[in-house]
C-alpha cells in the first residue's frame, strides 16, 4: 500500500510533463522557423520560375 502511494507522489510524472512541454515548445519553434524558410524558398522559387517562364516566352 505504501509503495503504491510513493509511486503516485513521485516527482517523475511532473518532470516528464515538464520536459514534454519543453519539447513541444522547441517543436513549435522549429515548425515556425521551417515554415518561414519554406515561405522564403517558395517566394524565391516562384520568382525564378516566373522569370524563367517569361524568358521562355520571349525566346518563343
PDB file of N, CA and C in Angstrom:
ATOM      1  N   UNK A   1       0.834  -1.198   0.000  1.00  0.00           N
ATOM      2  CA  UNK A   1       0.000   0.000   0.000  1.00  0.00           C
ATOM      3  C   UNK A   1       0.877   1.259   0.000  1.00  0.00           C
ATOM      4  N   UNK A   2       1.905   1.239   0.853  1.00  0.00           N
ATOM      5  CA  UNK A   2       2.772   2.415   0.957  1.00  0.00           C
ATOM      6  C   UNK A   2       3.589   2.618  -0.327  1.00  0.00           C
ATOM      7  N   UNK A   3       4.027   1.525  -0.940  1.00  0.00           N
ATOM      8  CA  UNK A   3       4.823   1.637  -2.162  1.00  0.00           C
ATOM      9  C   UNK A   3       3.987   2.239  -3.297  1.00  0.00           C
ATOM     10  N   UNK A   4       2.715   1.844  -3.364  1.00  0.00           N
ATOM     11  CA  UNK A   4       1.818   2.400  -4.381  1.00  0.00           C
ATOM     12  C   UNK A   4       1.636   3.900  -4.157  1.00  0.00           C
ATOM     13  N   UNK A   5       1.493   4.288  -2.894  1.00  0.00           N
ATOM     14  CA  UNK A   5       1.332   5.715  -2.566  1.00  0.00           C
ATOM     15  C   UNK A   5       2.588   6.495  -2.941  1.00  0.00           C
ATOM     16  N   UNK A   6       3.756   5.884  -2.684  1.00  0.00           N
ATOM     17  CA  UNK A   6       5.024   6.527  -3.035  1.00  0.00           C
ATOM     18  C   UNK A   6       5.127   6.718  -4.549  1.00  0.00           C
ATOM     19  N   UNK A   7       4.672   5.734  -5.299  1.00  0.00           N
ATOM     20  CA  UNK A   7       4.713   5.828  -6.760  1.00  0.00           C
ATOM     21  C   UNK A   7       3.887   7.017  -7.257  1.00  0.00           C
ATOM     22  N   UNK A   8       2.713   7.206  -6.627  1.00  0.00           N
ATOM     23  CA  UNK A   8       1.825   8.284  -7.070  1.00  0.00           C
ATOM     24  C   UNK A   8       2.372   9.666  -6.731  1.00  0.00           C
ATOM     25  N   UNK A   9       3.145   9.754  -5.654  1.00  0.00           N
ATOM     26  CA  UNK A   9       3.653  11.062  -5.235  1.00  0.00           C
ATOM     27  C   UNK A   9       5.076  11.314  -5.732  1.00  0.00           C
ATOM     28  N   UNK A  10       5.600  10.474  -6.589  1.00  0.00           N
ATOM     29  CA  UNK A  10       6.952  10.681  -7.100  1.00  0.00           C
ATOM     30  C   UNK A  10       6.974  11.882  -8.053  1.00  0.00           C
ATOM     31  N   UNK A  11       8.075  12.618  -8.084  1.00  0.00           N
ATOM     32  CA  UNK A  11       8.142  13.810  -8.936  1.00  0.00           C
ATOM     33  C   UNK A  11       8.375  13.495 -10.417  1.00  0.00           C
ATOM     34  N   UNK A  12       8.546  12.227 -10.737  1.00  0.00           N
ATOM     35  CA  UNK A  12       8.872  11.879 -12.124  1.00  0.00           C
ATOM     36  C   UNK A  12       7.780  12.234 -13.135  1.00  0.00           C
ATOM     37  N   UNK A  13       6.500  11.968 -12.845  1.00  0.00           N
ATOM     38  CA  UNK A  13       5.475  12.338 -13.832  1.00  0.00           C
ATOM     39  C   UNK A  13       5.458  13.837 -14.128  1.00  0.00           C
ATOM     40  N   UNK A  14       5.595  14.663 -13.060  1.00  0.00           N
ATOM     41  CA  UNK A  14       5.641  16.114 -13.250  1.00  0.00           C
ATOM     42  C   UNK A  14       6.842  16.496 -14.105  1.00  0.00           C
ATOM     43  N   UNK A  15       7.982  15.908 -13.790  1.00  0.00           N
ATOM     44  CA  UNK A  15       9.202  16.177 -14.552  1.00  0.00           C
ATOM     45  C   UNK A  15       9.010  15.774 -16.013  1.00  0.00           C
ATOM     46  N   UNK A  16       8.376  14.624 -16.217  1.00  0.00           N
ATOM     47  CA  UNK A  16       8.124  14.124 -17.566  1.00  0.00           C
ATOM     48  C   UNK A  16       7.235  15.096 -18.345  1.00  0.00           C
ATOM     49  N   UNK A  17       6.173  15.584 -17.676  1.00  0.00           N
ATOM     50  CA  UNK A  17       5.270  16.541 -18.320  1.00  0.00           C
ATOM     51  C   UNK A  17       6.023  17.833 -18.630  1.00  0.00           C
ATOM     52  N   UNK A  18       6.889  18.258 -17.717  1.00  0.00           N
ATOM     53  CA  UNK A  18       7.674  19.477 -17.912  1.00  0.00           C
ATOM     54  C   UNK A  18       8.592  19.342 -19.127  1.00  0.00           C
ATOM     55  N   UNK A  19       9.302  18.211 -19.222  1.00  0.00           N
ATOM     56  CA  UNK A  19      10.193  18.001 -20.363  1.00  0.00           C
ATOM     57  C   UNK A  19       9.390  17.909 -21.651  1.00  0.00           C
ATOM     58  N   UNK A  20       8.215  17.281 -21.581  1.00  0.00           N
ATOM     59  CA  UNK A  20       7.343  17.197 -22.756  1.00  0.00           C
ATOM     60  C   UNK A  20       6.940  18.586 -23.224  1.00  0.00           C
ATOM     61  N   UNK A  21       6.572  19.460 -22.280  1.00  0.00           N
ATOM     62  CA  UNK A  21       6.179  20.818 -22.644  1.00  0.00           C
ATOM     63  C   UNK A  21       7.358  21.557 -23.266  1.00  0.00           C
ATOM     64  N   UNK A  22       8.560  21.319 -22.752  1.00  0.00           N
ATOM     65  CA  UNK A  22       9.756  21.936 -23.333  1.00  0.00           C
ATOM     66  C   UNK A  22       9.959  21.454 -24.764  1.00  0.00           C
ATOM     67  N   UNK A  23       9.810  20.145 -24.970  1.00  0.00           N
ATOM     68  CA  UNK A  23       9.956  19.601 -26.317  1.00  0.00           C
ATOM     69  C   UNK A  23       8.909  20.173 -27.262  1.00  0.00           C
ATOM     70  N   UNK A  24       7.678  20.334 -26.766  1.00  0.00           N
ATOM     71  CA  UNK A  24       6.600  20.895 -27.587  1.00  0.00           C
ATOM     72  C   UNK A  24       6.929  22.336 -27.959  1.00  0.00           C
ATOM     73  N   UNK A  25       7.450  23.114 -26.994  1.00  0.00           N
ATOM     74  CA  UNK A  25       7.848  24.498 -27.269  1.00  0.00           C
ATOM     75  C   UNK A  25       8.929  24.529 -28.343  1.00  0.00           C
ATOM     76  N   UNK A  26       9.928  23.661 -28.210  1.00  0.00           N
ATOM     77  CA  UNK A  26      11.001  23.596 -29.207  1.00  0.00           C
ATOM     78  C   UNK A  26      10.444  23.193 -30.563  1.00  0.00           C
ATOM     79  N   UNK A  27       9.541  22.219 -30.561  1.00  0.00           N
ATOM     80  CA  UNK A  27       8.943  21.744 -31.805  1.00  0.00           C
ATOM     81  C   UNK A  27       8.179  22.866 -32.491  1.00  0.00           C
ATOM     82  N   UNK A  28       7.378  23.614 -31.711  1.00  0.00           N
ATOM     83  CA  UNK A  28       6.634  24.742 -32.275  1.00  0.00           C
ATOM     84  C   UNK A  28       7.585  25.763 -32.876  1.00  0.00           C
ATOM     85  N   UNK A  29       8.708  26.033 -32.182  1.00  0.00           N
ATOM     86  CA  UNK A  29       9.696  26.992 -32.668  1.00  0.00           C
ATOM     87  C   UNK A  29      10.310  26.519 -33.986  1.00  0.00           C
ATOM     88  N   UNK A  30      10.696  25.237 -34.033  1.00  0.00           N
ATOM     89  CA  UNK A  30      11.299  24.706 -35.249  1.00  0.00           C
ATOM     90  C   UNK A  30      10.304  24.691 -36.405  1.00  0.00           C
ATOM     91  N   UNK A  31       9.035  24.369 -36.118  1.00  0.00           N
ATOM     92  CA  UNK A  31       8.000  24.376 -37.157  1.00  0.00           C
ATOM     93  C   UNK A  31       7.836  25.782 -37.707  1.00  0.00           C
ATOM     94  N   UNK A  32       7.835  26.780 -36.815  1.00  0.00           N
ATOM     95  CA  UNK A  32       7.712  28.174 -37.237  1.00  0.00           C
ATOM     96  C   UNK A  32       8.891  28.572 -38.121  1.00  0.00           C
ATOM     97  N   UNK A  33      10.108  28.203 -37.697  1.00  0.00           N
ATOM     98  CA  UNK A  33      11.311  28.523 -38.471  1.00  0.00           C
ATOM     99  C   UNK A  33      11.256  27.839 -39.833  1.00  0.00           C
ATOM    100  N   UNK A  34      10.909  26.546 -39.839  1.00  0.00           N
ATOM    101  CA  UNK A  34      10.810  25.808 -41.098  1.00  0.00           C
ATOM    102  C   UNK A  34       9.753  26.416 -42.006  1.00  0.00           C
ATOM    103  N   UNK A  35       8.627  26.849 -41.415  1.00  0.00           N
ATOM    104  CA  UNK A  35       7.557  27.465 -42.195  1.00  0.00           C
ATOM    105  C   UNK A  35       8.055  28.751 -42.845  1.00  0.00           C
ATOM    106  N   UNK A  36       8.800  29.569 -42.075  1.00  0.00           N
ATOM    107  CA  UNK A  36       9.340  30.819 -42.615  1.00  0.00           C
ATOM    108  C   UNK A  36      10.344  30.532 -43.723  1.00  0.00           C
ATOM    109  N   UNK A  37      11.226  29.547 -43.493  1.00  0.00           N
ATOM    110  CA  UNK A  37      12.221  29.176 -44.505  1.00  0.00           C
ATOM    111  C   UNK A  37      11.506  28.674 -45.757  1.00  0.00           C
ATOM    112  N   UNK A  38      10.488  27.843 -45.570  1.00  0.00           N
ATOM    113  CA  UNK A  38       9.733  27.299 -46.699  1.00  0.00           C
ATOM    114  C   UNK A  38       9.064  28.420 -47.484  1.00  0.00           C
ATOM    115  N   UNK A  39       8.494  29.403 -46.757  1.00  0.00           N
ATOM    116  CA  UNK A  39       7.852  30.533 -47.417  1.00  0.00           C
ATOM    117  C   UNK A  39       8.875  31.304 -48.247  1.00  0.00           C
ATOM    118  N   UNK A  40      10.050  31.515 -47.675  1.00  0.00           N
ATOM    119  CA  UNK A  40      11.116  32.244 -48.363  1.00  0.00           C
ATOM    120  C   UNK A  40      11.546  31.484 -49.615  1.00  0.00           C
ATOM    121  N   UNK A  41      11.777  30.175 -49.470  1.00  0.00           N
ATOM    122  CA  UNK A  41      12.178  29.339 -50.606  1.00  0.00           C
ATOM    123  C   UNK A  41      11.086  29.343 -51.668  1.00  0.00           C
ATOM    124  N   UNK A  42       9.826  29.276 -51.224  1.00  0.00           N
ATOM    125  CA  UNK A  42       8.706  29.277 -52.166  1.00  0.00           C
ATOM    126  C   UNK A  42       8.680  30.581 -52.953  1.00  0.00           C
ATOM    127  N   UNK A  43       8.883  31.711 -52.266  1.00  0.00           N
ATOM    128  CA  UNK A  43       8.903  33.009 -52.948  1.00  0.00           C
ATOM    129  C   UNK A  43      10.024  33.051 -53.978  1.00  0.00           C
ATOM    130  N   UNK A  44      11.223  32.615 -53.571  1.00  0.00           N
ATOM    131  CA  UNK A  44      12.379  32.610 -54.480  1.00  0.00           C
ATOM    132  C   UNK A  44      12.103  31.697 -55.666  1.00  0.00           C
ATOM    133  N   UNK A  45      11.563  30.503 -55.367  1.00  0.00           N
ATOM    134  CA  UNK A  45      11.271  29.534 -56.427  1.00  0.00           C
ATOM    135  C   UNK A  45      10.265  30.102 -57.421  1.00  0.00           C
ATOM    136  N   UNK A  46       9.159  30.667 -56.899  1.00  0.00           N
ATOM    137  CA  UNK A  46       8.145  31.228 -57.789  1.00  0.00           C
ATOM    138  C   UNK A  46       8.715  32.386 -58.597  1.00  0.00           C
ATOM    139  N   UNK A  47       9.537  33.221 -57.959  1.00  0.00           N
ATOM    140  CA  UNK A  47      10.153  34.359 -58.642  1.00  0.00           C
ATOM    141  C   UNK A  47      10.988  33.874 -59.825  1.00  0.00           C
ATOM    142  N   UNK A  48      11.882  32.905 -59.554  1.00  0.00           N
ATOM    143  CA  UNK A  48      12.737  32.380 -60.625  1.00  0.00           C
ATOM    144  C   UNK A  48      11.911  31.638 -61.673  1.00  0.00           C
ATOM    145  N   UNK A  49      10.910  30.889 -61.211  1.00  0.00           N
ATOM    146  CA  UNK A  49      10.072  30.123 -62.135  1.00  0.00           C
ATOM    147  C   UNK A  49       9.326  31.060 -63.079  1.00  0.00           C
ATOM    148  N   UNK A  50       8.741  32.124 -62.520  1.00  0.00           N
ATOM    149  CA  UNK A  50       8.001  33.080 -63.347  1.00  0.00           C
ATOM    150  C   UNK A  50       8.939  33.767 -64.333  1.00  0.00           C
ATOM    151  N   UNK A  51      10.119  34.167 -63.850  1.00  0.00           N
ATOM    152  CA  UNK A  51      11.061  34.856 -64.728  1.00  0.00           C
ATOM    153  C   UNK A  51      11.583  33.919 -65.811  1.00  0.00           C
ATOM    154  N   UNK A  52      11.847  32.666 -65.450  1.00  0.00           N
ATOM    155  CA  UNK A  52      12.335  31.715 -66.451  1.00  0.00           C
ATOM    156  C   UNK A  52      11.237  31.429 -67.473  1.00  0.00           C
ATOM    157  N   UNK A  53       9.972  31.372 -67.013  1.00  0.00           N
ATOM    158  CA  UNK A  53       8.877  31.136 -67.957  1.00  0.00           C
ATOM    159  C   UNK A  53       8.727  32.334 -68.891  1.00  0.00           C
ATOM    160  N   UNK A  54       8.928  33.545 -68.353  1.00  0.00           N
ATOM    161  CA  UNK A  54       8.884  34.733 -69.211  1.00  0.00           C
ATOM    162  C   UNK A  54      10.009  34.677 -70.238  1.00  0.00           C
ATOM    163  N   UNK A  55      11.186  34.245 -69.802  1.00  0.00           N
ATOM    164  CA  UNK A  55      12.319  34.113 -70.717  1.00  0.00           C
ATOM    165  C   UNK A  55      11.989  33.118 -71.820  1.00  0.00           C
ATOM    166  N   UNK A  56      11.333  32.012 -71.454  1.00  0.00           N
ATOM    167  CA  UNK A  56      10.955  31.001 -72.445  1.00  0.00           C
ATOM    168  C   UNK A  56       9.959  31.603 -73.432  1.00  0.00           C
ATOM    169  N   UNK A  57       8.998  32.384 -72.909  1.00  0.00           N
ATOM    170  CA  UNK A  57       8.023  33.023 -73.802  1.00  0.00           C
ATOM    171  C   UNK A  57       8.714  34.025 -74.722  1.00  0.00           C
ATOM    172  N   UNK A  58       9.717  34.733 -74.196  1.00  0.00           N
ATOM    173  CA  UNK A  58      10.461  35.689 -75.021  1.00  0.00           C
ATOM    174  C   UNK A  58      11.223  34.954 -76.126  1.00  0.00           C
ATOM    175  N   UNK A  59      11.777  33.786 -75.780  1.00  0.00           N
ATOM    176  CA  UNK A  59      12.515  33.007 -76.775  1.00  0.00           C
ATOM    177  C   UNK A  59      11.571  32.498 -77.861  1.00  0.00           C
ATOM    178  N   UNK A  60      10.336  32.148 -77.485  1.00  0.00           N
ATOM    179  CA  UNK A  60       9.358  31.689 -78.468  1.00  0.00           C
ATOM    180  C   UNK A  60       8.960  32.873 -79.346  1.00  0.00           C
TER     181      UNK A  60
END
